[in-house]
Amino acid sequence: MEKAQKETEEANRPKSGPREAPGRFDFVTVEDGSGHRKPQMAGTVKVRYAVVLERDASLLEAKSDFVYVLGAQSQGVGEVCSQLLDGMLLQMRRGQVASV
């Protein structure tokens, strides 16, 4: 089997669990928050999130009232990578709704 074909098969193979966050992601505010302060590293936040596939809108995971400490997670939670959560939450305000 050719090397390129093996690489293609590997790339298309489903992977389980959290993966490394992308170096850059598109952060879109859906609804503005009411707070003026943003969370800081090592701060505790309570979030609600859903992981939805863009291609067919299927729900992979959803959590409500999830308590998270920024920067303290060495691994992701379910399908969400901690680096992605940290990157998003550091930009958000209380009550803000966003999409990545």
PDB file of N, CA and C in Angstrom:
ATOM      1  N   MET A   1       0.845  -1.164   0.000  1.00  0.00           N
ATOM      2  CA  MET A   1       0.000   0.000   0.000  1.00  0.00           C
ATOM      3  C   MET A   1       0.897   1.235   0.000  1.00  0.00           C
ATOM      4  N   GLU A   2       0.519   2.206  -0.794  1.00  0.00           N
ATOM      5  CA  GLU A   2       1.316   3.418  -0.880  1.00  0.00           C
ATOM      6  C   GLU A   2       1.216   4.239   0.399  1.00  0.00           C
ATOM      7  N   LYS A   3       2.256   5.003   0.655  1.00  0.00           N
ATOM      8  CA  LYS A   3       2.306   5.835   1.843  1.00  0.00           C
ATOM      9  C   LYS A   3       1.167   6.853   1.856  1.00  0.00           C
ATOM     10  N   ALA A   4       0.898   7.484   0.732  1.00  0.00           N
ATOM     11  CA  ALA A   4      -0.163   8.488   0.641  1.00  0.00           C
ATOM     12  C   ALA A   4      -1.529   7.875   0.939  1.00  0.00           C
ATOM     13  N   GLN A   5      -1.755   6.661   0.453  1.00  0.00           N
ATOM     14  CA  GLN A   5      -3.034   5.993   0.684  1.00  0.00           C
ATOM     15  C   GLN A   5      -3.186   5.657   2.169  1.00  0.00           C
ATOM     16  N   LYS A   6      -2.113   5.200   2.806  1.00  0.00           N
ATOM     17  CA  LYS A   6      -2.145   4.901   4.236  1.00  0.00           C
ATOM     18  C   LYS A   6      -2.454   6.163   5.040  1.00  0.00           C
ATOM     19  N   GLU A   7      -1.825   7.277   4.659  1.00  0.00           N
ATOM     20  CA  GLU A   7      -2.060   8.542   5.355  1.00  0.00           C
ATOM     21  C   GLU A   7      -3.503   8.997   5.196  1.00  0.00           C
ATOM     22  N   THR A   8      -4.073   8.807   4.010  1.00  0.00           N
ATOM     23  CA  THR A   8      -5.461   9.176   3.768  1.00  0.00           C
ATOM     24  C   THR A   8      -6.400   8.327   4.609  1.00  0.00           C
ATOM     25  N   GLU A   9      -6.151   7.023   4.655  1.00  0.00           N
ATOM     26  CA  GLU A   9      -6.982   6.132   5.463  1.00  0.00           C
ATOM     27  C   GLU A   9      -6.883   6.497   6.939  1.00  0.00           C
ATOM     28  N   GLU A  10      -5.694   6.802   7.395  1.00  0.00           N
ATOM     29  CA  GLU A  10      -5.499   7.188   8.797  1.00  0.00           C
ATOM     30  C   GLU A  10      -6.246   8.486   9.107  1.00  0.00           C
ATOM     31  N   ALA A  11      -6.181   9.449   8.209  1.00  0.00           N
ATOM     32  CA  ALA A  11      -6.863  10.727   8.417  1.00  0.00           C
ATOM     33  C   ALA A  11      -8.378  10.559   8.437  1.00  0.00           C
ATOM     34  N   ASN A  12      -8.910   9.615   7.682  1.00  0.00           N
ATOM     35  CA  ASN A  12     -10.353   9.403   7.604  1.00  0.00           C
ATOM     36  C   ASN A  12     -10.886   8.472   8.680  1.00  0.00           C
ATOM     37  N   ARG A  13     -10.015   7.799   9.393  1.00  0.00           N
ATOM     38  CA  ARG A  13     -10.437   6.870  10.434  1.00  0.00           C
ATOM     39  C   ARG A  13     -10.986   7.657  11.613  1.00  0.00           C
ATOM     40  N   PRO A  14     -12.169   7.285  12.125  1.00  0.00           N
ATOM     41  CA  PRO A  14     -12.725   7.993  13.277  1.00  0.00           C
ATOM     42  C   PRO A  14     -11.814   7.864  14.485  1.00  0.00           C
ATOM     43  N   LYS A  15     -11.718   8.924  15.223  1.00  0.00           N
ATOM     44  CA  LYS A  15     -10.895   8.943  16.424  1.00  0.00           C
ATOM     45  C   LYS A  15     -11.813   9.195  17.607  1.00  0.00           C
ATOM     46  N   SER A  16     -11.495   8.627  18.747  1.00  0.00           N
ATOM     47  CA  SER A  16     -12.330   8.826  19.917  1.00  0.00           C
ATOM     48  C   SER A  16     -11.621   9.722  20.917  1.00  0.00           C
ATOM     49  N   GLY A  17     -12.415  10.385  21.745  1.00  0.00           N
ATOM     50  CA  GLY A  17     -11.873  11.225  22.799  1.00  0.00           C
ATOM     51  C   GLY A  17     -11.394  12.569  22.300  1.00  0.00           C
ATOM     52  N   PRO A  18     -10.991  13.434  23.226  1.00  0.00           N
ATOM     53  CA  PRO A  18     -10.559  14.779  22.859  1.00  0.00           C
ATOM     54  C   PRO A  18      -9.238  14.758  22.109  1.00  0.00           C
ATOM     55  N   ARG A  19      -9.095  15.705  21.242  1.00  0.00           N
ATOM     56  CA  ARG A  19      -7.870  15.864  20.487  1.00  0.00           C
ATOM     57  C   ARG A  19      -7.302  17.246  20.757  1.00  0.00           C
ATOM     58  N   GLU A  20      -6.123  17.480  20.319  1.00  0.00           N
ATOM     59  CA  GLU A  20      -5.469  18.762  20.542  1.00  0.00           C
ATOM     60  C   GLU A  20      -6.272  19.877  19.893  1.00  0.00           C
ATOM     61  N   ALA A  21      -6.370  20.993  20.589  1.00  0.00           N
ATOM     62  CA  ALA A  21      -7.116  22.136  20.068  1.00  0.00           C
ATOM     63  C   ALA A  21      -6.399  22.723  18.864  1.00  0.00           C
ATOM     64  N   PRO A  22      -7.157  23.272  17.943  1.00  0.00           N
ATOM     65  CA  PRO A  22      -6.521  23.936  16.815  1.00  0.00           C
ATOM     66  C   PRO A  22      -5.769  25.166  17.301  1.00  0.00           C
ATOM     67  N   GLY A  23      -4.717  25.528  16.610  1.00  0.00           N
ATOM     68  CA  GLY A  23      -3.950  26.702  16.996  1.00  0.00           C
ATOM     69  C   GLY A  23      -4.760  27.974  16.875  1.00  0.00           C
ATOM     70  N   ARG A  24      -5.713  27.992  15.976  1.00  0.00           N
ATOM     71  CA  ARG A  24      -6.541  29.165  15.748  1.00  0.00           C
ATOM     72  C   ARG A  24      -7.957  28.665  15.499  1.00  0.00           C
ATOM     73  N   PHE A  25      -8.927  29.343  16.054  1.00  0.00           N
ATOM     74  CA  PHE A  25     -10.301  28.952  15.811  1.00  0.00           C
ATOM     75  C   PHE A  25     -11.159  30.196  15.642  1.00  0.00           C
ATOM     76  N   ASP A  26     -12.263  30.038  14.939  1.00  0.00           N
ATOM     77  CA  ASP A  26     -13.185  31.143  14.715  1.00  0.00           C
ATOM     78  C   ASP A  26     -14.173  31.202  15.870  1.00  0.00           C
ATOM     79  N   PHE A  27     -14.171  32.311  16.588  1.00  0.00           N
ATOM     80  CA  PHE A  27     -15.019  32.531  17.746  1.00  0.00           C
ATOM     81  C   PHE A  27     -16.108  33.506  17.325  1.00  0.00           C
ATOM     82  N   VAL A  28     -17.368  33.093  17.389  1.00  0.00           N
ATOM     83  CA  VAL A  28     -18.479  33.924  16.946  1.00  0.00           C
ATOM     84  C   VAL A  28     -19.436  34.136  18.118  1.00  0.00           C
ATOM     85  N   THR A  29     -19.693  35.398  18.469  1.00  0.00           N
ATOM     86  CA  THR A  29     -20.658  35.697  19.526  1.00  0.00           C
ATOM     87  C   THR A  29     -22.059  35.603  18.952  1.00  0.00           C
ATOM     88  N   VAL A  30     -22.881  34.762  19.569  1.00  0.00           N
ATOM     89  CA  VAL A  30     -24.262  34.580  19.159  1.00  0.00           C
ATOM     90  C   VAL A  30     -25.159  35.532  19.952  1.00  0.00           C
ATOM     91  N   GLU A  31     -24.837  35.720  21.231  1.00  0.00           N
ATOM     92  CA  GLU A  31     -25.594  36.614  22.113  1.00  0.00           C
ATOM     93  C   GLU A  31     -24.624  37.256  23.085  1.00  0.00           C
ATOM     94  N   ASP A  32     -24.670  38.585  23.199  1.00  0.00           N
ATOM     95  CA  ASP A  32     -23.766  39.302  24.103  1.00  0.00           C
ATOM     96  C   ASP A  32     -24.062  38.977  25.554  1.00  0.00           C
ATOM     97  N   GLY A  33     -23.020  39.000  26.358  1.00  0.00           N
ATOM     98  CA  GLY A  33     -23.173  38.791  27.793  1.00  0.00           C
ATOM     99  C   GLY A  33     -23.454  40.093  28.508  1.00  0.00           C
ATOM    100  N   SER A  34     -23.872  39.998  29.762  1.00  0.00           N
ATOM    101  CA  SER A  34     -24.212  41.195  30.527  1.00  0.00           C
ATOM    102  C   SER A  34     -23.093  41.633  31.463  1.00  0.00           C
ATOM    103  N   GLY A  35     -22.144  40.790  31.703  1.00  0.00           N
ATOM    104  CA  GLY A  35     -21.062  41.115  32.629  1.00  0.00           C
ATOM    105  C   GLY A  35     -19.998  41.979  31.989  1.00  0.00           C
ATOM    106  N   HIS A  36     -19.180  42.594  32.822  1.00  0.00           N
ATOM    107  CA  HIS A  36     -18.080  43.400  32.299  1.00  0.00           C
ATOM    108  C   HIS A  36     -16.732  42.729  32.539  1.00  0.00           C
ATOM    109  N   ARG A  37     -16.692  41.758  33.451  1.00  0.00           N
ATOM    110  CA  ARG A  37     -15.438  41.056  33.730  1.00  0.00           C
ATOM    111  C   ARG A  37     -15.350  39.773  32.930  1.00  0.00           C
ATOM    112  N   LYS A  38     -14.131  39.428  32.570  1.00  0.00           N
ATOM    113  CA  LYS A  38     -13.867  38.160  31.897  1.00  0.00           C
ATOM    114  C   LYS A  38     -13.174  37.238  32.901  1.00  0.00           C
ATOM    115  N   PRO A  39     -13.361  35.926  32.775  1.00  0.00           N
ATOM    116  CA  PRO A  39     -12.677  35.005  33.702  1.00  0.00           C
ATOM    117  C   PRO A  39     -11.159  35.053  33.508  1.00  0.00           C
ATOM    118  N   GLN A  40     -10.450  34.703  34.555  1.00  0.00           N
ATOM    119  CA  GLN A  40      -8.991  34.657  34.531  1.00  0.00           C
ATOM    120  C   GLN A  40      -8.540  33.211  34.680  1.00  0.00           C
ATOM    121  N   MET A  41      -7.292  32.929  34.290  1.00  0.00           N
ATOM    122  CA  MET A  41      -6.730  31.597  34.487  1.00  0.00           C
ATOM    123  C   MET A  41      -6.808  31.242  35.967  1.00  0.00           C
ATOM    124  N   ALA A  42      -7.097  30.000  36.250  1.00  0.00           N
ATOM    125  CA  ALA A  42      -7.295  29.435  37.591  1.00  0.00           C
ATOM    126  C   ALA A  42      -8.631  29.840  38.193  1.00  0.00           C
ATOM    127  N   GLY A  43      -9.439  30.630  37.461  1.00  0.00           N
ATOM    128  CA  GLY A  43     -10.771  30.989  37.923  1.00  0.00           C
ATOM    129  C   GLY A  43     -11.746  29.853  37.639  1.00  0.00           C
ATOM    130  N   THR A  44     -12.795  29.789  38.430  1.00  0.00           N
ATOM    131  CA  THR A  44     -13.817  28.763  38.275  1.00  0.00           C
ATOM    132  C   THR A  44     -15.032  29.367  37.586  1.00  0.00           C
ATOM    133  N   VAL A  45     -15.528  28.675  36.573  1.00  0.00           N
ATOM    134  CA  VAL A  45     -16.713  29.128  35.845  1.00  0.00           C
ATOM    135  C   VAL A  45     -17.712  27.976  35.753  1.00  0.00           C
ATOM    136  N   LYS A  46     -18.969  28.338  35.596  1.00  0.00           N
ATOM    137  CA  LYS A  46     -20.015  27.347  35.359  1.00  0.00           C
ATOM    138  C   LYS A  46     -20.504  27.580  33.937  1.00  0.00           C
ATOM    139  N   VAL A  47     -20.442  26.551  33.111  1.00  0.00           N
ATOM    140  CA  VAL A  47     -20.792  26.700  31.703  1.00  0.00           C
ATOM    141  C   VAL A  47     -21.816  25.643  31.286  1.00  0.00           C
ATOM    142  N   ARG A  48     -22.429  25.933  30.160  1.00  0.00           N
ATOM    143  CA  ARG A  48     -23.300  24.979  29.482  1.00  0.00           C
ATOM    144  C   ARG A  48     -22.783  24.929  28.048  1.00  0.00           C
ATOM    145  N   TYR A  49     -22.579  23.721  27.537  1.00  0.00           N
ATOM    146  CA  TYR A  49     -22.089  23.633  26.166  1.00  0.00           C
ATOM    147  C   TYR A  49     -22.679  22.435  25.448  1.00  0.00           C
ATOM    148  N   ALA A  50     -22.598  22.508  24.137  1.00  0.00           N
ATOM    149  CA  ALA A  50     -23.020  21.398  23.280  1.00  0.00           C
ATOM    150  C   ALA A  50     -22.001  21.261  22.163  1.00  0.00           C
ATOM    151  N   VAL A  51     -21.664  20.026  21.833  1.00  0.00           N
ATOM    152  CA  VAL A  51     -20.761  19.736  20.718  1.00  0.00           C
ATOM    153  C   VAL A  51     -21.633  19.179  19.599  1.00  0.00           C
ATOM    154  N   VAL A  52     -21.685  19.930  18.489  1.00  0.00           N
ATOM    155  CA  VAL A  52     -22.539  19.580  17.361  1.00  0.00           C
ATOM    156  C   VAL A  52     -21.676  19.494  16.104  1.00  0.00           C
ATOM    157  N   LEU A  53     -21.859  18.441  15.332  1.00  0.00           N
ATOM    158  CA  LEU A  53     -21.126  18.309  14.073  1.00  0.00           C
ATOM    159  C   LEU A  53     -21.679  19.296  13.062  1.00  0.00           C
ATOM    160  N   GLU A  54     -20.787  20.018  12.416  1.00  0.00           N
ATOM    161  CA  GLU A  54     -21.202  21.018  11.443  1.00  0.00           C
ATOM    162  C   GLU A  54     -21.832  20.383  10.201  1.00  0.00           C
ATOM    163  N   ARG A  55     -21.308  19.233   9.786  1.00  0.00           N
ATOM    164  CA  ARG A  55     -21.758  18.639   8.523  1.00  0.00           C
ATOM    165  C   ARG A  55     -23.204  18.153   8.535  1.00  0.00           C
ATOM    166  N   ASP A  56     -23.689  17.647   9.702  1.00  0.00           N
ATOM    167  CA  ASP A  56     -25.063  17.131   9.721  1.00  0.00           C
ATOM    168  C   ASP A  56     -25.840  17.544  10.969  1.00  0.00           C
ATOM    169  N   ALA A  57     -25.284  18.433  11.762  1.00  0.00           N
ATOM    170  CA  ALA A  57     -25.924  18.974  12.961  1.00  0.00           C
ATOM    171  C   ALA A  57     -26.253  17.908  14.012  1.00  0.00           C
ATOM    172  N   SER A  58     -25.548  16.791  13.997  1.00  0.00           N
ATOM    173  CA  SER A  58     -25.798  15.770  15.014  1.00  0.00           C
ATOM    174  C   SER A  58     -25.093  16.162  16.315  1.00  0.00           C
ATOM    175  N   LEU A  59     -25.766  15.913  17.428  1.00  0.00           N
ATOM    176  CA  LEU A  59     -25.260  16.254  18.748  1.00  0.00           C
ATOM    177  C   LEU A  59     -24.332  15.156  19.247  1.00  0.00           C
ATOM    178  N   LEU A  60     -23.080  15.521  19.557  1.00  0.00           N
ATOM    179  CA  LEU A  60     -22.111  14.563  20.079  1.00  0.00           C
ATOM    180  C   LEU A  60     -22.122  14.521  21.598  1.00  0.00           C
ATOM    181  N   GLU A  61     -22.262  15.688  22.203  1.00  0.00           N
ATOM    182  CA  GLU A  61     -22.190  15.778  23.658  1.00  0.00           C
ATOM    183  C   GLU A  61     -22.831  17.086  24.101  1.00  0.00           C
ATOM    184  N   ALA A  62     -23.453  17.078  25.263  1.00  0.00           N
ATOM    185  CA  ALA A  62     -24.016  18.300  25.841  1.00  0.00           C
ATOM    186  C   ALA A  62     -23.883  18.222  27.353  1.00  0.00           C
ATOM    187  N   LYS A  63     -23.546  19.347  27.965  1.00  0.00           N
ATOM    188  CA  LYS A  63     -23.429  19.429  29.424  1.00  0.00           C
ATOM    189  C   LYS A  63     -24.053  20.741  29.875  1.00  0.00           C
ATOM    190  N   SER A  64     -24.750  20.697  31.000  1.00  0.00           N
ATOM    191  CA  SER A  64     -25.269  21.926  31.601  1.00  0.00           C
ATOM    192  C   SER A  64     -24.762  21.998  33.039  1.00  0.00           C
ATOM    193  N   ASP A  65     -24.627  23.219  33.548  1.00  0.00           N
ATOM    194  CA  ASP A  65     -24.101  23.443  34.901  1.00  0.00           C
ATOM    195  C   ASP A  65     -22.783  22.707  35.129  1.00  0.00           C
ATOM    196  N   PHE A  66     -21.916  22.799  34.159  1.00  0.00           N
ATOM    197  CA  PHE A  66     -20.604  22.149  34.200  1.00  0.00           C
ATOM    198  C   PHE A  66     -19.610  23.122  34.844  1.00  0.00           C
ATOM    199  N   VAL A  67     -18.997  22.734  35.947  1.00  0.00           N
ATOM    200  CA  VAL A  67     -18.027  23.582  36.648  1.00  0.00           C
ATOM    201  C   VAL A  67     -16.645  23.277  36.085  1.00  0.00           C
ATOM    202  N   TYR A  68     -15.943  24.335  35.702  1.00  0.00           N
ATOM    203  CA  TYR A  68     -14.650  24.186  35.029  1.00  0.00           C
ATOM    204  C   TYR A  68     -13.670  25.191  35.611  1.00  0.00           C
ATOM    205  N   VAL A  69     -12.439  24.757  35.878  1.00  0.00           N
ATOM    206  CA  VAL A  69     -11.366  25.631  36.359  1.00  0.00           C
ATOM    207  C   VAL A  69     -10.427  25.881  35.191  1.00  0.00           C
ATOM    208  N   LEU A  70     -10.319  27.136  34.788  1.00  0.00           N
ATOM    209  CA  LEU A  70      -9.496  27.486  33.629  1.00  0.00           C
ATOM    210  C   LEU A  70      -8.026  27.161  33.875  1.00  0.00           C
ATOM    211  N   GLY A  71      -7.421  26.474  32.934  1.00  0.00           N
ATOM    212  CA  GLY A  71      -6.007  26.151  32.988  1.00  0.00           C
ATOM    213  C   GLY A  71      -5.649  24.960  33.855  1.00  0.00           C
ATOM    214  N   ALA A  72      -6.609  24.383  34.564  1.00  0.00           N
ATOM    215  CA  ALA A  72      -6.306  23.290  35.492  1.00  0.00           C
ATOM    216  C   ALA A  72      -6.487  21.917  34.866  1.00  0.00           C
ATOM    217  N   GLN A  73      -7.117  21.850  33.724  1.00  0.00           N
ATOM    218  CA  GLN A  73      -7.396  20.557  33.098  1.00  0.00           C
ATOM    219  C   GLN A  73      -6.228  20.149  32.209  1.00  0.00           C
ATOM    220  N   SER A  74      -5.697  18.975  32.450  1.00  0.00           N
ATOM    221  CA  SER A  74      -4.594  18.493  31.614  1.00  0.00           C
ATOM    222  C   SER A  74      -5.132  17.771  30.387  1.00  0.00           C
ATOM    223  N   GLN A  75      -6.403  17.345  30.455  1.00  0.00           N
ATOM    224  CA  GLN A  75      -7.027  16.663  29.330  1.00  0.00           C
ATOM    225  C   GLN A  75      -8.364  17.299  29.065  1.00  0.00           C
ATOM    226  N   GLY A  76      -8.904  16.998  27.906  1.00  0.00           N
ATOM    227  CA  GLY A  76     -10.216  17.504  27.565  1.00  0.00           C
ATOM    228  C   GLY A  76     -11.298  16.793  28.346  1.00  0.00           C
ATOM    229  N   VAL A  77     -12.486  17.286  28.212  1.00  0.00           N
ATOM    230  CA  VAL A  77     -13.649  16.713  28.870  1.00  0.00           C
ATOM    231  C   VAL A  77     -14.546  16.172  27.775  1.00  0.00           C
ATOM    232  N   GLY A  78     -14.707  14.871  27.704  1.00  0.00           N
ATOM    233  CA  GLY A  78     -15.529  14.298  26.640  1.00  0.00           C
ATOM    234  C   GLY A  78     -14.942  14.625  25.285  1.00  0.00           C
ATOM    235  N   GLU A  79     -15.738  15.253  24.433  1.00  0.00           N
ATOM    236  CA  GLU A  79     -15.299  15.616  23.085  1.00  0.00           C
ATOM    237  C   GLU A  79     -14.637  16.989  23.031  1.00  0.00           C
ATOM    238  N   VAL A  80     -14.612  17.711  24.157  1.00  0.00           N
ATOM    239  CA  VAL A  80     -14.088  19.073  24.166  1.00  0.00           C
ATOM    240  C   VAL A  80     -12.692  19.097  24.767  1.00  0.00           C
ATOM    241  N   CYS A  81     -11.784  19.703  24.079  1.00  0.00           N
ATOM    242  CA  CYS A  81     -10.388  19.816  24.499  1.00  0.00           C
ATOM    243  C   CYS A  81     -10.237  21.003  25.465  1.00  0.00           C
ATOM    244  N   SER A  82      -9.492  20.825  26.540  1.00  0.00           N
ATOM    245  CA  SER A  82      -9.338  21.878  27.542  1.00  0.00           C
ATOM    246  C   SER A  82      -8.710  23.148  26.965  1.00  0.00           C
ATOM    247  N   GLN A  83      -7.797  23.018  26.006  1.00  0.00           N
ATOM    248  CA  GLN A  83      -7.183  24.205  25.403  1.00  0.00           C
ATOM    249  C   GLN A  83      -8.231  25.036  24.665  1.00  0.00           C
ATOM    250  N   LEU A  84      -9.172  24.380  24.027  1.00  0.00           N
ATOM    251  CA  LEU A  84     -10.236  25.079  23.325  1.00  0.00           C
ATOM    252  C   LEU A  84     -11.149  25.778  24.330  1.00  0.00           C
ATOM    253  N   LEU A  85     -11.536  25.074  25.390  1.00  0.00           N
ATOM    254  CA  LEU A  85     -12.372  25.688  26.429  1.00  0.00           C
ATOM    255  C   LEU A  85     -11.684  26.901  27.043  1.00  0.00           C
ATOM    256  N   ASP A  86     -10.408  26.756  27.409  1.00  0.00           N
ATOM    257  CA  ASP A  86      -9.668  27.875  27.993  1.00  0.00           C
ATOM    258  C   ASP A  86      -9.651  29.064  27.036  1.00  0.00           C
ATOM    259  N   GLY A  87      -9.336  28.812  25.770  1.00  0.00           N
ATOM    260  CA  GLY A  87      -9.265  29.884  24.783  1.00  0.00           C
ATOM    261  C   GLY A  87     -10.583  30.620  24.615  1.00  0.00           C
ATOM    262  N   MET A  88     -11.673  29.863  24.616  1.00  0.00           N
ATOM    263  CA  MET A  88     -12.997  30.484  24.476  1.00  0.00           C
ATOM    264  C   MET A  88     -13.399  31.241  25.740  1.00  0.00           C
ATOM    265  N   LEU A  89     -13.300  30.565  26.875  1.00  0.00           N
ATOM    266  CA  LEU A  89     -13.808  31.143  28.113  1.00  0.00           C
ATOM    267  C   LEU A  89     -13.066  32.403  28.540  1.00  0.00           C
ATOM    268  N   LEU A  90     -11.789  32.493  28.227  1.00  0.00           N
ATOM    269  CA  LEU A  90     -11.023  33.698  28.568  1.00  0.00           C
ATOM    270  C   LEU A  90     -11.516  34.923  27.816  1.00  0.00           C
ATOM    271  N   GLN A  91     -12.226  34.722  26.716  1.00  0.00           N
ATOM    272  CA  GLN A  91     -12.747  35.830  25.911  1.00  0.00           C
ATOM    273  C   GLN A  91     -14.190  36.190  26.258  1.00  0.00           C
ATOM    274  N   MET A  92     -14.852  35.343  27.047  1.00  0.00           N
ATOM    275  CA  MET A  92     -16.290  35.500  27.249  1.00  0.00           C
ATOM    276  C   MET A  92     -16.639  36.254  28.528  1.00  0.00           C
ATOM    277  N   ARG A  93     -17.887  36.734  28.560  1.00  0.00           N
ATOM    278  CA  ARG A  93     -18.456  37.410  29.714  1.00  0.00           C
ATOM    279  C   ARG A  93     -19.680  36.617  30.216  1.00  0.00           C
ATOM    280  N   ARG A  94     -20.118  36.901  31.432  1.00  0.00           N
ATOM    281  CA  ARG A  94     -21.274  36.223  32.009  1.00  0.00           C
ATOM    282  C   ARG A  94     -22.483  36.339  31.068  1.00  0.00           C
ATOM    283  N   GLY A  95     -23.103  35.192  30.793  1.00  0.00           N
ATOM    284  CA  GLY A  95     -24.308  35.166  29.974  1.00  0.00           C
ATOM    285  C   GLY A  95     -24.060  35.162  28.474  1.00  0.00           C
ATOM    286  N   GLN A  96     -22.821  35.289  28.040  1.00  0.00           N
ATOM    287  CA  GLN A  96     -22.525  35.330  26.606  1.00  0.00           C
ATOM    288  C   GLN A  96     -22.719  33.955  25.996  1.00  0.00           C
ATOM    289  N   VAL A  97     -23.255  33.939  24.787  1.00  0.00           N
ATOM    290  CA  VAL A  97     -23.416  32.701  24.026  1.00  0.00           C
ATOM    291  C   VAL A  97     -22.514  32.811  22.818  1.00  0.00           C
ATOM    292  N   ALA A  98     -21.687  31.803  22.593  1.00  0.00           N
ATOM    293  CA  ALA A  98     -20.733  31.839  21.485  1.00  0.00           C
ATOM    294  C   ALA A  98     -20.653  30.502  20.788  1.00  0.00           C
ATOM    295  N   SER A  99     -20.092  30.537  19.595  1.00  0.00           N
ATOM    296  CA  SER A  99     -19.925  29.333  18.786  1.00  0.00           C
ATOM    297  C   SER A  99     -18.509  29.316  18.234  1.00  0.00           C
ATOM    298  N   VAL A 100     -17.972  28.129  18.118  1.00  0.00           N
ATOM    299  CA  VAL A 100     -16.630  27.956  17.532  1.00  0.00           C
ATOM    300  C   VAL A 100     -16.748  27.026  16.359  1.00  0.00           C
TER     301      VAL A 100
END
